[in-house]
Amino acid sequence: MRVVLDHEGGERLSQSLYQHGLPDDIDASGAGEGALVVVVVAGLASVADAAEHWLRHLPLPDAFIIGCTHRTRCNCQPEDWWPDGICDLVTAQDEDALLTELAMRLTRLSELESILDSAWLHERAVGSSPVWRRTLQSVAEVGRFSHGACLLLGESGCGKELLARLVHDLDPERRRGPFVVVDCTTLSPELSGSELFGHARGAFTHALSARDGAVALADGGTLFLDEIGELELPLQARLLRVIQEHTYKRVGEDNWRQSDFRLTCATNRNLEDDVLSGRFRADLFFRITQWTIRAPSLSERREDIPALVRHFLGQSGQKVPCIMPEVMARLKAADYPGNVRELRNVVLRMADRQRGFGVLSTGCLQGMMPGRPVVSAESWEQTMASAVEGALDAGMGLKGIGQLAESMAVQMAERRMGSTARAAELLGVTPRALQLRRRGRQPEAGP
């Protein structure tokens, strides 16, 4: 991590930071490598001048920390144009307290960078695209420094279970405990209570012995509820108490039992819409969303495909062959509705077809590529024109074409962004307007 102390007395300030807890292995001289962190202390430097220098031009620093005391607070007013997500204004009572706060923040950022640059993480979470790195940074923050419930959003096949396991493995208190996965899509109404909470002997037919459920098995570790949006409402109500109190009853028992677990959930549904429609309990939604992380689709991290291809080839049980540029270009250009999971299947099929060969040639592609190729930015207008022409040939009028295009845009935006609010931002409308359009109503005109 490269730490730049933006004022003339940088050497004196760096010594003060070390005296207030900054670890010796963090280089505060500005000569380090990696993420760029700029620190400005009001009174020792002009905050306005530093912001103009660091925040007006690309590339932006990874973090811009402004420190001030109550006495110098008037000298560091944040501006509306400062970029979101990288600026941190820290106010402390006096200079000693401020230096301690700054040292703690630099230590936290250094630990996060160490996690993101670690070999074990790169081996498990393959990819270095900016969107994937931001996702992993969120996972590292949640896993290492928090204890709250986390909801993972994203399309099917984009790696939500992988991220859930990373949250577990990064938690210093839970990583030695079990990681218990419950696939909510497989829970039948008749046996769901037993699967989650366990049952007593004789609780129902064929219950010949007592059995622990997933909640008990996750004690001391993590309970991962995959596709939690598929749970029926009665089971949602029972789950709510377990999350709140960490207590549960086995099926067929009256006594309460305890289980200390961390909760992580995942879904490819729009739970905000399900709450509005009454399909998902609002109180449960807010219990499981202390943290929310969206896993990007493969189309959003297309530059990671070459690294993923080589990673999957390494899993095929043979020496990784050379990949012809034409093969890699086809793999990068293809559309993968099943995301990373589908890419893995394609790569392993290709490897099986040319098993033992030293070069993965174009012959491995025959009948292997999924879907249709991604439409380039230059040809999307022609693609849309062809679609409109087909609609006209089918007898659709202007109103019908417009409604169909709007409906498809809403669906694709929600699938890509994972929530109504983010989809509305992508489409340039308000969340309420998006909800009205989904119900087939036009938004009311504004004043």
Protein backbone atom coordinates (compact mmCIF):
# COMPACT_ATOMS: atom_id res chain seq x y z
CA MET A 1 0.00 0.00 0.00
CA ARG A 2 1.29 3.42 -0.96
CA VAL A 3 0.51 6.04 1.71
CA VAL A 4 0.95 9.69 0.74
CA LEU A 5 0.89 12.26 3.54
CA ASP A 6 -0.11 15.41 1.69
CA HIS A 7 1.73 18.25 3.45
CA GLU A 8 5.23 19.57 3.96
CA GLY A 9 5.80 17.97 7.37
CA GLY A 10 5.18 14.47 6.10
CA GLU A 11 8.17 12.88 7.84
CA ARG A 12 7.17 14.29 11.23
CA LEU A 13 3.58 13.22 10.72
CA SER A 14 4.63 9.69 9.73
CA GLN A 15 6.68 9.35 12.92
CA SER A 16 3.68 10.52 14.93
CA LEU A 17 1.48 7.94 13.25
CA TYR A 18 3.94 5.15 14.12
CA GLN A 19 3.95 6.37 17.73
CA HIS A 20 0.15 6.18 17.76
CA GLY A 21 -0.10 2.57 16.62
CA LEU A 22 0.66 2.43 12.91
CA PRO A 23 2.48 -0.91 12.30
CA ASP A 24 6.09 -0.66 11.20
CA ASP A 25 5.45 -2.74 8.07
CA ILE A 26 3.22 -0.01 6.60
CA ASP A 27 5.32 2.41 4.57
CA ALA A 28 4.09 5.98 5.14
CA SER A 29 6.84 7.58 3.05
CA GLY A 30 4.82 7.56 -0.18
CA ALA A 31 7.23 5.10 -1.82
CA GLY A 32 5.18 1.94 -1.37
CA GLU A 33 3.32 -0.04 -4.01
CA GLY A 34 -0.28 -1.07 -4.39
CA ALA A 35 -3.40 0.85 -3.41
CA LEU A 36 -2.89 4.62 -3.19
CA VAL A 37 -4.09 6.16 0.08
CA VAL A 38 -3.85 9.94 0.50
CA VAL A 39 -3.97 11.43 4.01
CA VAL A 40 -4.58 15.13 4.56
CA VAL A 41 -4.58 16.73 8.02
CA ALA A 42 -6.40 20.04 8.31
CA GLY A 43 -4.18 22.77 9.69
CA LEU A 44 -1.02 21.15 8.33
CA ALA A 45 -2.20 21.34 4.72
CA SER A 46 -4.95 22.92 2.69
CA VAL A 47 -7.76 20.38 2.35
CA ALA A 48 -9.24 22.27 -0.60
CA ASP A 49 -5.92 22.32 -2.47
CA ALA A 50 -5.33 18.63 -1.77
CA ALA A 51 -8.81 17.73 -3.01
CA GLU A 52 -8.27 19.72 -6.20
CA HIS A 53 -4.95 17.94 -6.77
CA TRP A 54 -6.04 14.36 -6.01
CA LEU A 55 -9.76 14.23 -6.80
CA ARG A 56 -10.07 16.22 -10.03
CA HIS A 57 -7.97 13.94 -12.18
CA LEU A 58 -7.79 10.26 -13.07
CA PRO A 59 -6.65 7.88 -11.79
CA LEU A 60 -8.27 8.64 -8.44
CA PRO A 61 -6.68 7.41 -5.22
CA ASP A 62 -8.16 4.30 -3.65
CA ALA A 63 -8.81 6.24 -0.45
CA PHE A 64 -8.71 9.95 0.43
CA ILE A 65 -8.66 10.47 4.21
CA ILE A 66 -9.14 13.93 5.69
CA GLY A 67 -8.36 14.35 9.38
CA CYS A 68 -9.29 17.28 11.59
CA THR A 69 -9.82 18.15 15.23
CA HIS A 70 -12.70 20.16 16.65
CA ARG A 71 -10.47 23.21 16.38
CA THR A 72 -9.66 22.72 12.69
CA ARG A 73 -13.05 21.32 11.64
CA CYS A 74 -13.94 24.57 9.87
CA ASN A 75 -10.99 24.04 7.50
CA CYS A 76 -12.21 20.74 6.06
CA GLN A 77 -15.69 21.02 4.67
CA PRO A 78 -16.51 18.24 2.18
CA GLU A 79 -17.63 19.34 -1.27
CA ASP A 80 -20.52 17.87 -3.26
CA TRP A 81 -18.24 17.02 -6.16
CA TRP A 82 -15.96 14.78 -4.10
CA PRO A 83 -16.25 11.20 -5.41
CA ASP A 84 -18.35 8.83 -3.33
CA GLY A 85 -16.76 5.71 -1.93
CA ILE A 86 -13.18 6.88 -1.46
CA CYS A 87 -13.45 9.96 0.80
CA ASP A 88 -13.36 9.59 4.59
CA LEU A 89 -13.66 12.66 6.82
CA VAL A 90 -12.37 11.90 10.33
CA THR A 91 -12.97 14.29 13.25
CA ALA A 92 -11.39 13.77 16.68
CA GLN A 93 -11.28 15.77 19.88
CA ASP A 94 -7.57 16.55 19.81
CA GLU A 95 -4.43 15.79 17.84
CA ASP A 96 -3.50 12.63 19.77
CA ALA A 97 -6.95 11.13 19.25
CA LEU A 98 -6.85 12.09 15.57
CA LEU A 99 -3.48 10.42 15.01
CA THR A 100 -4.78 7.24 16.66
CA GLU A 101 -7.86 7.26 14.43
CA LEU A 102 -5.76 7.79 11.29
CA ALA A 103 -3.36 4.99 12.29
CA MET A 104 -6.29 2.59 12.79
CA ARG A 105 -7.75 3.41 9.40
CA LEU A 106 -4.45 2.91 7.62
CA THR A 107 -4.00 -0.38 9.44
CA ARG A 108 -7.46 -1.54 8.34
CA LEU A 109 -6.81 -0.58 4.71
CA SER A 110 -3.46 -2.37 4.77
CA GLU A 111 -5.07 -5.55 6.13
CA LEU A 112 -7.75 -5.42 3.43
CA GLU A 113 -5.12 -5.04 0.73
CA SER A 114 -3.17 -7.98 2.15
CA ILE A 115 -6.30 -10.12 1.91
CA LEU A 116 -7.08 -9.00 -1.64
CA ASP A 117 -3.51 -9.66 -2.78
CA SER A 118 -3.13 -13.00 -1.01
CA ALA A 119 -2.33 -16.08 -3.07
CA TRP A 120 -5.03 -18.21 -1.41
CA LEU A 121 -7.73 -15.72 -2.40
CA HIS A 122 -6.53 -15.53 -6.02
CA GLU A 123 -6.55 -19.31 -6.24
CA ARG A 124 -10.15 -19.55 -5.03
CA ALA A 125 -11.73 -16.34 -6.36
CA VAL A 126 -10.16 -16.18 -9.82
CA GLY A 127 -10.19 -12.82 -11.59
CA SER A 128 -8.74 -9.34 -11.34
CA SER A 129 -11.32 -7.14 -13.06
CA PRO A 130 -12.25 -3.94 -11.18
CA VAL A 131 -15.83 -5.05 -10.55
CA TRP A 132 -14.68 -8.42 -9.19
CA ARG A 133 -12.02 -6.82 -7.00
CA ARG A 134 -14.62 -4.42 -5.56
CA THR A 135 -16.85 -7.38 -4.82
CA LEU A 136 -14.03 -9.22 -3.06
CA GLN A 137 -13.21 -6.09 -1.08
CA SER A 138 -16.79 -5.99 0.19
CA VAL A 139 -16.58 -9.69 1.05
CA ALA A 140 -13.30 -9.12 2.91
CA GLU A 141 -14.77 -6.23 4.90
CA VAL A 142 -17.86 -8.22 5.86
CA GLY A 143 -16.02 -11.44 6.61
CA ARG A 144 -13.06 -10.09 8.56
CA PHE A 145 -14.51 -7.12 10.41
CA SER A 146 -18.24 -7.75 10.93
CA HIS A 147 -20.48 -10.36 12.50
CA GLY A 148 -23.85 -9.45 11.00
CA ALA A 149 -26.04 -11.33 8.55
CA CYS A 150 -25.18 -10.92 4.88
CA LEU A 151 -27.39 -11.33 1.80
CA LEU A 152 -25.66 -12.20 -1.47
CA LEU A 153 -27.51 -11.15 -4.61
CA GLY A 154 -26.88 -12.11 -8.20
CA GLU A 155 -27.84 -14.28 -11.11
CA SER A 156 -27.63 -18.05 -10.95
CA GLY A 157 -24.13 -19.40 -11.49
CA CYS A 158 -22.19 -16.21 -10.71
CA GLY A 159 -20.46 -17.52 -7.56
CA LYS A 160 -22.66 -16.63 -4.59
CA GLU A 161 -21.79 -19.81 -2.67
CA LEU A 162 -18.09 -19.16 -3.28
CA LEU A 163 -18.49 -15.67 -1.79
CA ALA A 164 -20.40 -17.11 1.17
CA ARG A 165 -17.56 -19.54 1.86
CA LEU A 166 -15.07 -16.67 1.68
CA VAL A 167 -17.08 -14.71 4.25
CA HIS A 168 -16.92 -17.77 6.50
CA ASP A 169 -13.20 -18.40 5.98
CA LEU A 170 -12.34 -14.74 6.60
CA ASP A 171 -14.22 -14.64 9.90
CA PRO A 172 -11.58 -15.20 12.60
CA GLU A 173 -14.21 -16.50 15.04
CA ARG A 174 -16.16 -18.79 12.68
CA ARG A 175 -13.68 -20.16 10.17
CA ARG A 176 -12.75 -23.15 12.35
CA GLY A 177 -16.42 -24.03 12.72
CA PRO A 178 -18.72 -25.79 10.25
CA PHE A 179 -20.08 -24.26 7.07
CA VAL A 180 -23.57 -25.69 6.68
CA VAL A 181 -25.37 -25.24 3.35
CA VAL A 182 -29.15 -25.44 3.03
CA ASP A 183 -30.58 -25.37 -0.50
CA CYS A 184 -33.97 -23.80 0.12
CA THR A 185 -35.24 -24.92 -3.30
CA THR A 186 -35.14 -28.54 -2.13
CA LEU A 187 -37.03 -28.05 1.15
CA SER A 188 -40.41 -29.75 0.95
CA PRO A 189 -43.21 -28.24 3.08
CA GLU A 190 -43.59 -31.53 4.95
CA LEU A 191 -39.95 -31.96 5.96
CA SER A 192 -38.57 -28.42 5.91
CA GLY A 193 -38.94 -27.99 9.66
CA SER A 194 -37.00 -31.17 10.32
CA GLU A 195 -34.26 -30.21 7.83
CA LEU A 196 -33.73 -26.84 9.48
CA PHE A 197 -34.48 -27.49 13.14
CA GLY A 198 -34.15 -31.26 13.53
CA HIS A 199 -36.69 -33.60 15.08
CA ALA A 200 -37.27 -35.69 18.17
CA ARG A 201 -37.67 -39.43 18.09
CA GLY A 202 -41.22 -40.33 17.10
CA ALA A 203 -42.03 -36.80 15.92
CA PHE A 204 -43.50 -38.25 12.73
CA THR A 205 -43.68 -41.52 10.83
CA HIS A 206 -40.22 -43.06 10.28
CA ALA A 207 -38.60 -40.69 12.83
CA LEU A 208 -36.94 -43.65 14.54
CA SER A 209 -34.27 -41.54 16.22
CA ALA A 210 -33.63 -37.93 17.13
CA ARG A 211 -31.82 -35.86 14.52
CA ASP A 212 -30.12 -32.47 14.48
CA GLY A 213 -31.12 -30.01 11.77
CA ALA A 214 -29.00 -27.48 9.91
CA VAL A 215 -29.40 -24.84 12.64
CA ALA A 216 -27.88 -27.13 15.27
CA LEU A 217 -25.15 -28.36 12.92
CA ALA A 218 -24.07 -24.76 12.23
CA ASP A 219 -23.39 -24.03 15.91
CA GLY A 220 -20.03 -22.25 16.14
CA GLY A 221 -19.85 -21.73 12.39
CA THR A 222 -21.92 -20.39 9.50
CA LEU A 223 -25.41 -21.25 8.27
CA PHE A 224 -25.73 -20.56 4.55
CA LEU A 225 -29.29 -20.43 3.23
CA ASP A 226 -29.02 -20.65 -0.54
CA GLU A 227 -32.00 -19.27 -2.50
CA ILE A 228 -33.72 -18.06 0.66
CA GLY A 229 -36.37 -16.38 -1.51
CA GLU A 230 -37.89 -19.82 -2.16
CA LEU A 231 -38.89 -20.38 1.48
CA GLU A 232 -42.62 -20.60 2.19
CA LEU A 233 -44.12 -17.94 4.46
CA PRO A 234 -44.78 -20.25 7.46
CA LEU A 235 -41.15 -21.33 7.48
CA GLN A 236 -40.03 -17.72 7.15
CA ALA A 237 -41.88 -16.93 10.39
CA ARG A 238 -40.16 -19.78 12.23
CA LEU A 239 -36.79 -18.79 10.85
CA LEU A 240 -37.24 -15.21 12.04
CA ARG A 241 -37.12 -16.19 15.73
CA VAL A 242 -34.07 -18.34 15.16
CA ILE A 243 -32.23 -15.39 13.63
CA GLN A 244 -33.33 -12.97 16.34
CA GLU A 245 -32.83 -15.14 19.41
CA HIS A 246 -30.56 -17.95 18.14
CA THR A 247 -33.01 -20.36 19.75
CA TYR A 248 -35.11 -23.06 18.12
CA LYS A 249 -37.28 -26.08 18.82
CA ARG A 250 -36.90 -29.47 17.26
CA VAL A 251 -39.98 -30.85 15.57
CA GLY A 252 -41.85 -32.83 18.24
CA GLU A 253 -40.20 -31.08 21.21
CA ASP A 254 -41.28 -28.22 23.49
CA ASN A 255 -37.94 -27.20 24.96
CA TRP A 256 -35.86 -24.44 23.40
CA ARG A 257 -32.34 -25.12 22.22
CA GLN A 258 -29.58 -22.65 21.39
CA SER A 259 -27.25 -22.39 18.42
CA ASP A 260 -24.61 -19.71 17.90
CA PHE A 261 -24.05 -19.27 14.16
CA ARG A 262 -23.34 -16.62 11.57
CA LEU A 263 -26.06 -16.27 8.94
CA THR A 264 -25.32 -15.79 5.24
CA CYS A 265 -28.06 -15.99 2.61
CA ALA A 266 -28.22 -15.86 -1.17
CA THR A 267 -30.91 -15.34 -3.76
CA ASN A 268 -31.36 -14.64 -7.46
CA ARG A 269 -34.82 -13.20 -6.80
CA ASN A 270 -35.74 -9.57 -6.27
CA LEU A 271 -36.64 -9.78 -2.59
CA GLU A 272 -37.63 -6.12 -2.43
CA ASP A 273 -40.41 -6.86 -4.92
CA ASP A 274 -41.33 -10.03 -3.04
CA VAL A 275 -41.71 -7.97 0.14
CA LEU A 276 -44.02 -5.52 -1.66
CA SER A 277 -46.11 -8.37 -3.05
CA GLY A 278 -46.33 -10.10 0.34
CA ARG A 279 -44.41 -13.17 -0.79
CA PHE A 280 -41.47 -12.48 1.53
CA ARG A 281 -41.73 -11.17 5.10
CA ALA A 282 -40.46 -7.62 5.52
CA ASP A 283 -39.17 -8.29 9.05
CA LEU A 284 -37.15 -11.26 7.83
CA PHE A 285 -35.83 -9.24 4.89
CA PHE A 286 -34.41 -6.58 7.21
CA ARG A 287 -32.95 -9.24 9.50
CA ILE A 288 -30.92 -10.87 6.74
CA THR A 289 -29.75 -7.66 5.05
CA GLN A 290 -27.46 -6.08 7.61
CA TRP A 291 -24.97 -6.42 4.77
CA THR A 292 -25.80 -6.83 1.09
CA ILE A 293 -23.29 -7.80 -1.59
CA ARG A 294 -24.11 -8.23 -5.27
CA ALA A 295 -22.13 -10.84 -7.17
CA PRO A 296 -21.48 -9.55 -10.70
CA SER A 297 -22.57 -11.60 -13.69
CA LEU A 298 -19.92 -12.96 -16.02
CA SER A 299 -20.94 -10.39 -18.65
CA GLU A 300 -19.85 -7.65 -16.21
CA ARG A 301 -16.40 -9.17 -15.70
CA ARG A 302 -15.68 -10.44 -19.19
CA GLU A 303 -11.98 -9.58 -18.86
CA ASP A 304 -11.73 -12.35 -16.24
CA ILE A 305 -12.69 -15.06 -18.74
CA PRO A 306 -9.09 -15.94 -19.83
CA ALA A 307 -8.01 -16.46 -16.22
CA LEU A 308 -11.14 -18.49 -15.49
CA VAL A 309 -10.58 -20.65 -18.57
CA ARG A 310 -7.03 -21.48 -17.49
CA HIS A 311 -8.25 -22.14 -13.95
CA PHE A 312 -10.91 -24.59 -15.14
CA LEU A 313 -8.47 -26.30 -17.49
CA GLY A 314 -6.27 -26.87 -14.45
CA GLN A 315 -9.21 -28.65 -12.81
CA SER A 316 -9.61 -31.06 -15.74
CA GLY A 317 -6.98 -33.43 -14.39
CA GLN A 318 -4.44 -32.90 -17.14
CA LYS A 319 -1.60 -30.54 -17.97
CA VAL A 320 -2.98 -27.16 -18.98
CA PRO A 321 -2.67 -26.96 -22.79
CA CYS A 322 -1.83 -23.89 -24.81
CA ILE A 323 -4.96 -22.10 -25.97
CA MET A 324 -5.09 -20.78 -29.51
CA PRO A 325 -6.00 -17.06 -29.69
CA GLU A 326 -9.01 -17.87 -31.89
CA VAL A 327 -10.37 -20.22 -29.22
CA MET A 328 -9.93 -17.66 -26.44
CA ALA A 329 -11.53 -14.95 -28.58
CA ARG A 330 -14.61 -17.15 -29.12
CA LEU A 331 -14.83 -17.90 -25.41
CA LYS A 332 -14.59 -14.22 -24.52
CA ALA A 333 -17.21 -13.21 -27.10
CA ALA A 334 -19.82 -15.79 -26.16
CA ASP A 335 -22.84 -15.09 -24.00
CA TYR A 336 -23.20 -17.26 -20.87
CA PRO A 337 -26.71 -17.20 -19.39
CA GLY A 338 -25.46 -19.62 -16.72
CA ASN A 339 -22.53 -17.33 -15.92
CA VAL A 340 -19.32 -18.81 -14.46
CA ARG A 341 -20.94 -22.20 -13.90
CA GLU A 342 -21.78 -22.47 -17.60
CA LEU A 343 -18.32 -21.29 -18.66
CA ARG A 344 -16.80 -24.02 -16.48
CA ASN A 345 -18.97 -26.67 -18.14
CA VAL A 346 -18.00 -25.43 -21.60
CA VAL A 347 -14.27 -25.43 -20.79
CA LEU A 348 -14.34 -28.92 -19.25
CA ARG A 349 -16.20 -30.30 -22.28
CA MET A 350 -13.61 -28.74 -24.58
CA ALA A 351 -10.79 -30.21 -22.49
CA ASP A 352 -12.38 -33.66 -22.65
CA ARG A 353 -12.73 -33.44 -26.43
CA GLN A 354 -9.01 -32.76 -26.90
CA ARG A 355 -7.72 -34.58 -23.81
CA GLY A 356 -4.00 -35.23 -23.97
CA PHE A 357 -3.34 -32.64 -26.69
CA GLY A 358 -0.78 -29.92 -26.06
CA VAL A 359 -2.78 -27.26 -27.89
CA LEU A 360 -6.47 -26.44 -27.48
CA SER A 361 -7.39 -25.80 -31.11
CA THR A 362 -10.49 -24.53 -32.90
CA GLY A 363 -11.74 -28.08 -33.36
CA CYS A 364 -12.72 -28.18 -29.71
CA LEU A 365 -15.35 -25.48 -30.31
CA GLN A 366 -17.68 -27.45 -32.58
CA GLY A 367 -21.09 -27.60 -30.92
CA MET A 368 -19.67 -26.40 -27.63
CA MET A 369 -20.44 -22.68 -27.50
CA PRO A 370 -23.57 -21.64 -25.60
CA GLY A 371 -26.25 -19.14 -26.49
CA ARG A 372 -25.53 -16.46 -28.97
CA PRO A 373 -22.50 -14.18 -29.31
CA VAL A 374 -22.51 -10.92 -27.42
CA VAL A 375 -23.71 -8.00 -29.52
CA SER A 376 -20.95 -5.43 -29.89
CA ALA A 377 -21.51 -1.77 -29.15
CA GLU A 378 -21.34 -1.02 -32.86
CA SER A 379 -24.07 -3.46 -33.90
CA TRP A 380 -26.74 -3.14 -31.21
CA GLU A 381 -28.75 -0.68 -33.31
CA GLN A 382 -28.88 -3.13 -36.22
CA THR A 383 -29.92 -5.89 -33.82
CA MET A 384 -32.73 -3.75 -32.44
CA ALA A 385 -33.81 -2.78 -35.95
CA SER A 386 -34.03 -6.47 -36.89
CA ALA A 387 -36.12 -7.17 -33.79
CA VAL A 388 -38.50 -4.30 -34.60
CA GLU A 389 -38.82 -5.52 -38.17
CA GLY A 390 -39.73 -8.97 -36.89
CA ALA A 391 -42.34 -7.48 -34.56
CA LEU A 392 -43.88 -5.55 -37.44
CA ASP A 393 -43.97 -8.72 -39.53
CA ALA A 394 -45.82 -10.38 -36.66
CA GLY A 395 -48.50 -7.67 -36.78
CA MET A 396 -47.51 -5.71 -33.69
CA GLY A 397 -48.29 -2.00 -33.60
CA LEU A 398 -46.25 0.88 -32.23
CA LYS A 399 -47.85 0.70 -28.79
CA GLY A 400 -47.27 -3.03 -28.48
CA ILE A 401 -43.64 -2.78 -29.58
CA GLY A 402 -43.00 0.01 -27.10
CA GLN A 403 -44.60 -1.90 -24.23
CA LEU A 404 -42.66 -5.05 -25.06
CA ALA A 405 -39.35 -3.17 -25.27
CA GLU A 406 -40.04 -1.42 -21.98
CA SER A 407 -40.98 -4.66 -20.25
CA MET A 408 -37.85 -6.40 -21.50
CA ALA A 409 -35.66 -3.46 -20.44
CA VAL A 410 -37.11 -3.57 -16.91
CA GLN A 411 -36.63 -7.33 -16.61
CA MET A 412 -33.06 -7.24 -17.88
CA ALA A 413 -32.11 -4.29 -15.65
CA GLU A 414 -33.51 -6.01 -12.56
CA ARG A 415 -31.77 -9.28 -13.43
CA ARG A 416 -28.48 -7.46 -13.94
CA MET A 417 -28.64 -5.14 -10.91
CA GLY A 418 -30.40 -7.41 -8.41
CA SER A 419 -32.83 -4.86 -6.92
CA THR A 420 -35.50 -2.41 -7.95
CA ALA A 421 -33.57 0.60 -6.67
CA ARG A 422 -30.41 -0.22 -8.63
CA ALA A 423 -32.40 -1.18 -11.73
CA ALA A 424 -34.22 2.16 -11.58
CA GLU A 425 -30.89 3.97 -11.35
CA LEU A 426 -29.60 2.08 -14.39
CA LEU A 427 -32.74 2.94 -16.39
CA GLY A 428 -32.81 6.57 -15.28
CA VAL A 429 -36.20 6.43 -13.52
CA THR A 430 -37.37 6.43 -9.91
CA PRO A 431 -38.00 3.12 -8.08
CA ARG A 432 -41.71 4.03 -7.76
CA ALA A 433 -41.96 4.67 -11.50
CA LEU A 434 -40.38 1.28 -12.14
CA GLN A 435 -42.88 -0.43 -9.83
CA LEU A 436 -45.78 1.27 -11.59
CA ARG A 437 -44.48 0.21 -14.99
CA ARG A 438 -44.19 -3.37 -13.78
CA ARG A 439 -47.85 -3.29 -12.76
CA GLY A 440 -48.85 -2.00 -16.17
CA ARG A 441 -49.54 1.58 -15.03
CA GLN A 442 -47.95 4.74 -16.26
CA PRO A 443 -46.19 6.87 -13.65
CA GLU A 444 -48.02 9.96 -12.56
CA ALA A 445 -46.84 13.21 -14.04
CA GLY A 446 -44.70 15.32 -11.74
CA PRO A 447 -45.49 18.88 -10.74
